Amino acid sequence: MHIIKEREKTHGNYQTQSALAQKFKKVFRQSPNWGNLNEPQTEALEAIAVKLARLLAGDVNYKDHWIDIQGYAFLAADFSPLIPGLPKVPDFTTEEPLESFPSIALRQANG
């Protein structure tokens, strides 16, 4: 039970958080483009819904929620058709310095 009380500080009350997440997911599923998403994009949006709910039910300044949202968005982008002009998605399996990716450089600068 200790872990549940500890998580409640950052994630909020589970009943509140889960209700919010389900409301977000319902809105997502009712959107006109939901059927156009592939499975990785769908999963990323559903994970983002959970992270948004944790922010709104829990600690809005808990950096991991914000960083996780960015990570899920990057994952979804990896499974999206390449659109000219969009910043490239970090490939964490390469030796390329992270500073070359604008969002990561910004995160590092802000600590």
N, C-alpha and C. Protein backbone atom coordinates (compact mmCIF):
# COMPACT_ATOMS: atom_id res chain seq x y z
N MET A 1 0.82 -1.20 0.00
CA MET A 1 0.00 0.00 0.00
C MET A 1 0.86 1.26 0.00
N HIS A 2 2.09 1.15 0.48
CA HIS A 2 3.00 2.29 0.55
C HIS A 2 3.23 2.91 -0.83
N ILE A 3 3.44 2.08 -1.85
CA ILE A 3 3.73 2.60 -3.20
C ILE A 3 2.53 3.38 -3.75
N ILE A 4 1.33 2.96 -3.42
CA ILE A 4 0.13 3.66 -3.90
C ILE A 4 0.07 5.06 -3.30
N LYS A 5 0.33 5.17 -2.01
CA LYS A 5 0.33 6.49 -1.37
C LYS A 5 1.45 7.37 -1.92
N GLU A 6 2.59 6.77 -2.18
CA GLU A 6 3.71 7.52 -2.73
C GLU A 6 3.39 8.04 -4.14
N ARG A 7 2.82 7.18 -4.98
CA ARG A 7 2.47 7.57 -6.35
C ARG A 7 1.36 8.62 -6.38
N GLU A 8 0.50 8.59 -5.39
CA GLU A 8 -0.61 9.54 -5.36
C GLU A 8 -0.10 10.99 -5.30
N LYS A 9 1.09 11.19 -4.76
CA LYS A 9 1.67 12.54 -4.68
C LYS A 9 1.95 13.10 -6.07
N THR A 10 2.38 12.26 -6.99
CA THR A 10 2.72 12.73 -8.33
C THR A 10 1.65 12.41 -9.36
N HIS A 11 0.92 11.32 -9.17
CA HIS A 11 -0.04 10.85 -10.17
C HIS A 11 -1.48 11.22 -9.82
N GLY A 12 -1.72 11.63 -8.59
CA GLY A 12 -3.07 11.95 -8.15
C GLY A 12 -3.82 10.71 -7.70
N ASN A 13 -5.01 10.94 -7.22
CA ASN A 13 -5.89 9.85 -6.81
C ASN A 13 -6.19 8.97 -8.02
N TYR A 14 -6.02 7.66 -7.86
CA TYR A 14 -6.15 6.76 -9.01
C TYR A 14 -7.54 6.80 -9.62
N GLN A 15 -8.57 6.86 -8.81
CA GLN A 15 -9.93 6.88 -9.35
C GLN A 15 -10.15 8.15 -10.18
N THR A 16 -9.68 9.28 -9.69
CA THR A 16 -9.80 10.54 -10.43
C THR A 16 -8.99 10.49 -11.71
N GLN A 17 -7.74 10.04 -11.59
CA GLN A 17 -6.84 9.98 -12.74
C GLN A 17 -7.37 9.03 -13.82
N SER A 18 -7.86 7.88 -13.41
CA SER A 18 -8.35 6.91 -14.40
C SER A 18 -9.62 7.40 -15.08
N ALA A 19 -10.48 8.11 -14.34
CA ALA A 19 -11.69 8.67 -14.95
C ALA A 19 -11.33 9.72 -15.99
N LEU A 20 -10.36 10.58 -15.66
CA LEU A 20 -9.90 11.58 -16.64
C LEU A 20 -9.32 10.92 -17.88
N ALA A 21 -8.47 9.91 -17.67
CA ALA A 21 -7.84 9.23 -18.81
C ALA A 21 -8.89 8.62 -19.72
N GLN A 22 -9.91 7.99 -19.15
CA GLN A 22 -10.96 7.38 -19.97
C GLN A 22 -11.76 8.42 -20.74
N LYS A 23 -11.96 9.59 -20.13
CA LYS A 23 -12.66 10.67 -20.84
C LYS A 23 -11.84 11.16 -22.03
N PHE A 24 -10.53 11.33 -21.82
CA PHE A 24 -9.66 11.72 -22.93
C PHE A 24 -9.72 10.68 -24.04
N LYS A 25 -9.61 9.41 -23.68
CA LYS A 25 -9.61 8.34 -24.68
C LYS A 25 -10.93 8.29 -25.44
N LYS A 26 -12.03 8.54 -24.76
CA LYS A 26 -13.34 8.55 -25.41
C LYS A 26 -13.38 9.66 -26.47
N VAL A 27 -12.89 10.84 -26.10
CA VAL A 27 -12.84 11.96 -27.06
C VAL A 27 -11.95 11.58 -28.24
N PHE A 28 -10.80 10.98 -27.96
CA PHE A 28 -9.90 10.56 -29.04
C PHE A 28 -10.62 9.61 -30.00
N ARG A 29 -11.28 8.60 -29.44
CA ARG A 29 -11.94 7.58 -30.27
C ARG A 29 -13.08 8.15 -31.11
N GLN A 30 -13.67 9.24 -30.65
CA GLN A 30 -14.78 9.85 -31.38
C GLN A 30 -14.32 10.87 -32.43
N SER A 31 -13.02 11.10 -32.50
CA SER A 31 -12.52 12.09 -33.45
C SER A 31 -12.56 11.53 -34.87
N PRO A 32 -12.68 12.41 -35.86
CA PRO A 32 -12.81 11.97 -37.25
C PRO A 32 -11.62 11.17 -37.77
N ASN A 33 -10.41 11.42 -37.26
CA ASN A 33 -9.22 10.75 -37.79
C ASN A 33 -8.77 9.54 -36.99
N TRP A 34 -9.52 9.16 -35.98
CA TRP A 34 -9.10 8.03 -35.14
C TRP A 34 -8.87 6.78 -35.98
N GLY A 35 -9.72 6.53 -36.92
CA GLY A 35 -9.59 5.35 -37.77
C GLY A 35 -8.41 5.39 -38.73
N ASN A 36 -7.81 6.56 -38.89
CA ASN A 36 -6.66 6.69 -39.79
C ASN A 36 -5.32 6.43 -39.10
N LEU A 37 -5.35 6.28 -37.79
CA LEU A 37 -4.12 6.05 -37.04
C LEU A 37 -3.69 4.60 -37.15
N ASN A 38 -2.38 4.40 -37.17
CA ASN A 38 -1.89 3.02 -37.10
C ASN A 38 -1.78 2.62 -35.62
N GLU A 39 -1.47 1.35 -35.35
CA GLU A 39 -1.46 0.88 -33.97
C GLU A 39 -0.45 1.61 -33.08
N PRO A 40 0.78 1.85 -33.54
CA PRO A 40 1.71 2.60 -32.68
C PRO A 40 1.23 4.02 -32.38
N GLN A 41 0.60 4.67 -33.35
CA GLN A 41 0.08 6.02 -33.11
C GLN A 41 -1.07 5.98 -32.10
N THR A 42 -1.95 4.98 -32.26
CA THR A 42 -3.07 4.82 -31.33
C THR A 42 -2.55 4.58 -29.91
N GLU A 43 -1.60 3.69 -29.78
CA GLU A 43 -1.04 3.38 -28.46
C GLU A 43 -0.37 4.61 -27.85
N ALA A 44 0.35 5.37 -28.66
CA ALA A 44 1.01 6.57 -28.16
C ALA A 44 -0.01 7.59 -27.65
N LEU A 45 -1.09 7.79 -28.40
CA LEU A 45 -2.11 8.74 -27.95
C LEU A 45 -2.79 8.27 -26.67
N GLU A 46 -3.04 6.98 -26.56
CA GLU A 46 -3.66 6.47 -25.33
C GLU A 46 -2.71 6.62 -24.14
N ALA A 47 -1.43 6.40 -24.36
CA ALA A 47 -0.45 6.59 -23.28
C ALA A 47 -0.36 8.07 -22.91
N ILE A 48 -0.42 8.94 -23.89
CA ILE A 48 -0.40 10.38 -23.63
C ILE A 48 -1.65 10.78 -22.83
N ALA A 49 -2.78 10.16 -23.12
CA ALA A 49 -4.00 10.45 -22.36
C ALA A 49 -3.80 10.14 -20.88
N VAL A 50 -3.14 9.03 -20.59
CA VAL A 50 -2.86 8.66 -19.20
C VAL A 50 -1.93 9.69 -18.56
N LYS A 51 -0.91 10.11 -19.29
CA LYS A 51 0.03 11.09 -18.75
C LYS A 51 -0.66 12.44 -18.52
N LEU A 52 -1.52 12.85 -19.44
CA LEU A 52 -2.28 14.09 -19.24
C LEU A 52 -3.16 13.99 -18.01
N ALA A 53 -3.81 12.87 -17.83
CA ALA A 53 -4.67 12.67 -16.66
C ALA A 53 -3.85 12.72 -15.38
N ARG A 54 -2.66 12.14 -15.39
CA ARG A 54 -1.80 12.19 -14.20
C ARG A 54 -1.38 13.62 -13.90
N LEU A 55 -1.10 14.40 -14.93
CA LEU A 55 -0.77 15.81 -14.72
C LEU A 55 -1.93 16.56 -14.08
N LEU A 56 -3.12 16.34 -14.60
CA LEU A 56 -4.28 17.10 -14.16
C LEU A 56 -4.85 16.61 -12.83
N ALA A 57 -4.57 15.38 -12.47
CA ALA A 57 -5.03 14.84 -11.18
C ALA A 57 -3.93 14.90 -10.13
N GLY A 58 -2.69 14.98 -10.58
CA GLY A 58 -1.56 14.92 -9.66
C GLY A 58 -0.73 16.19 -9.67
N ASP A 59 0.56 16.01 -9.73
CA ASP A 59 1.51 17.11 -9.65
C ASP A 59 1.83 17.62 -11.06
N VAL A 60 1.36 18.83 -11.36
CA VAL A 60 1.58 19.40 -12.70
C VAL A 60 3.04 19.74 -12.95
N ASN A 61 3.84 19.78 -11.92
CA ASN A 61 5.26 20.11 -12.07
C ASN A 61 6.16 18.88 -12.03
N TYR A 62 5.57 17.70 -12.07
CA TYR A 62 6.36 16.47 -12.08
C TYR A 62 6.90 16.26 -13.49
N LYS A 63 8.20 16.52 -13.66
CA LYS A 63 8.81 16.56 -14.99
C LYS A 63 8.67 15.26 -15.77
N ASP A 64 8.68 14.13 -15.08
CA ASP A 64 8.59 12.85 -15.80
C ASP A 64 7.33 12.74 -16.64
N HIS A 65 6.21 13.30 -16.18
CA HIS A 65 4.98 13.25 -16.99
C HIS A 65 5.19 13.98 -18.31
N TRP A 66 5.77 15.17 -18.24
CA TRP A 66 6.00 15.98 -19.44
C TRP A 66 6.99 15.29 -20.37
N ILE A 67 8.05 14.74 -19.81
CA ILE A 67 9.06 14.06 -20.62
C ILE A 67 8.48 12.81 -21.26
N ASP A 68 7.64 12.07 -20.52
CA ASP A 68 7.01 10.88 -21.07
C ASP A 68 6.08 11.22 -22.23
N ILE A 69 5.33 12.31 -22.11
CA ILE A 69 4.45 12.74 -23.20
C ILE A 69 5.28 12.99 -24.46
N GLN A 70 6.39 13.67 -24.29
CA GLN A 70 7.28 13.93 -25.43
C GLN A 70 7.78 12.60 -26.01
N GLY A 71 8.15 11.68 -25.16
CA GLY A 71 8.65 10.38 -25.62
C GLY A 71 7.62 9.62 -26.42
N TYR A 72 6.38 9.60 -25.93
CA TYR A 72 5.32 8.91 -26.68
C TYR A 72 5.04 9.59 -28.01
N ALA A 73 5.13 10.92 -28.04
CA ALA A 73 4.94 11.64 -29.30
C ALA A 73 6.05 11.29 -30.29
N PHE A 74 7.29 11.19 -29.80
CA PHE A 74 8.40 10.78 -30.65
C PHE A 74 8.18 9.37 -31.19
N LEU A 75 7.71 8.48 -30.34
CA LEU A 75 7.44 7.11 -30.81
C LEU A 75 6.39 7.11 -31.91
N ALA A 76 5.32 7.86 -31.73
CA ALA A 76 4.27 7.93 -32.75
C ALA A 76 4.83 8.50 -34.05
N ALA A 77 5.69 9.51 -33.92
CA ALA A 77 6.28 10.13 -35.12
C ALA A 77 7.13 9.13 -35.89
N ASP A 78 7.77 8.22 -35.18
CA ASP A 78 8.58 7.19 -35.86
C ASP A 78 7.73 6.31 -36.77
N PHE A 79 6.44 6.21 -36.48
CA PHE A 79 5.55 5.36 -37.27
C PHE A 79 4.62 6.18 -38.15
N SER A 80 4.97 7.44 -38.35
CA SER A 80 4.20 8.33 -39.21
C SER A 80 4.95 8.54 -40.52
N PRO A 81 4.22 8.77 -41.60
CA PRO A 81 4.91 9.09 -42.85
C PRO A 81 5.75 10.35 -42.67
N LEU A 82 6.90 10.38 -43.32
CA LEU A 82 7.79 11.53 -43.22
C LEU A 82 7.14 12.73 -43.89
N ILE A 83 7.09 13.82 -43.16
CA ILE A 83 6.53 15.07 -43.68
C ILE A 83 7.67 16.06 -43.81
N PRO A 84 7.93 16.58 -45.01
CA PRO A 84 9.04 17.53 -45.18
C PRO A 84 8.91 18.72 -44.24
N GLY A 85 10.02 19.12 -43.67
CA GLY A 85 10.04 20.30 -42.82
C GLY A 85 9.89 20.02 -41.34
N LEU A 86 9.47 18.82 -40.97
CA LEU A 86 9.35 18.51 -39.55
C LEU A 86 10.72 18.18 -38.98
N PRO A 87 10.95 18.54 -37.71
CA PRO A 87 12.24 18.18 -37.12
C PRO A 87 12.37 16.67 -37.05
N LYS A 88 13.59 16.19 -37.17
CA LYS A 88 13.76 14.75 -37.16
C LYS A 88 13.61 14.20 -35.75
N VAL A 89 13.19 12.96 -35.69
CA VAL A 89 12.96 12.28 -34.43
C VAL A 89 14.27 11.68 -33.96
N PRO A 90 14.61 11.85 -32.67
CA PRO A 90 15.87 11.28 -32.19
C PRO A 90 15.90 9.77 -32.35
N ASP A 91 17.02 9.27 -32.79
CA ASP A 91 17.26 7.83 -32.84
C ASP A 91 18.26 7.55 -31.73
N PHE A 92 17.76 7.04 -30.63
CA PHE A 92 18.60 6.85 -29.46
C PHE A 92 19.56 5.68 -29.61
N THR A 93 19.54 5.02 -30.76
CA THR A 93 20.46 3.90 -30.99
C THR A 93 21.71 4.35 -31.75
N THR A 94 21.79 5.64 -32.09
CA THR A 94 22.94 6.14 -32.85
C THR A 94 23.92 6.85 -31.92
N GLU A 95 25.04 7.19 -32.48
CA GLU A 95 26.06 7.94 -31.74
C GLU A 95 25.88 9.45 -31.89
N GLU A 96 24.85 9.85 -32.63
CA GLU A 96 24.64 11.28 -32.88
C GLU A 96 24.40 12.00 -31.56
N PRO A 97 25.08 13.17 -31.35
CA PRO A 97 24.91 13.87 -30.07
C PRO A 97 23.47 14.34 -29.88
N LEU A 98 22.95 14.17 -28.69
CA LEU A 98 21.57 14.54 -28.40
C LEU A 98 21.32 16.03 -28.59
N GLU A 99 22.36 16.83 -28.46
CA GLU A 99 22.20 18.27 -28.62
C GLU A 99 21.74 18.65 -30.02
N SER A 100 21.87 17.73 -30.99
CA SER A 100 21.46 18.04 -32.35
C SER A 100 19.94 17.98 -32.52
N PHE A 101 19.23 17.47 -31.51
CA PHE A 101 17.78 17.41 -31.56
C PHE A 101 17.23 18.56 -30.72
N PRO A 102 16.49 19.50 -31.34
CA PRO A 102 16.08 20.72 -30.65
C PRO A 102 15.37 20.50 -29.32
N SER A 103 14.42 19.57 -29.25
CA SER A 103 13.66 19.40 -28.02
C SER A 103 14.52 18.86 -26.90
N ILE A 104 15.47 18.00 -27.23
CA ILE A 104 16.34 17.44 -26.21
C ILE A 104 17.34 18.49 -25.74
N ALA A 105 17.85 19.28 -26.66
CA ALA A 105 18.77 20.34 -26.28
C ALA A 105 18.07 21.33 -25.36
N LEU A 106 16.82 21.65 -25.64
CA LEU A 106 16.04 22.56 -24.80
C LEU A 106 15.84 21.96 -23.41
N ARG A 107 15.50 20.67 -23.36
CA ARG A 107 15.29 19.98 -22.07
C ARG A 107 16.57 20.00 -21.25
N GLN A 108 17.71 19.75 -21.90
CA GLN A 108 18.99 19.75 -21.18
C GLN A 108 19.32 21.15 -20.68
N ALA A 109 19.01 22.16 -21.45
CA ALA A 109 19.30 23.54 -21.07
C ALA A 109 18.45 23.97 -19.87
N ASN A 110 17.23 23.44 -19.80
CA ASN A 110 16.32 23.81 -18.72
C ASN A 110 16.46 22.93 -17.49
N GLY A 111 17.31 21.90 -17.61
CA GLY A 111 17.57 21.02 -16.47
C GLY A 111 16.42 20.19 -16.15
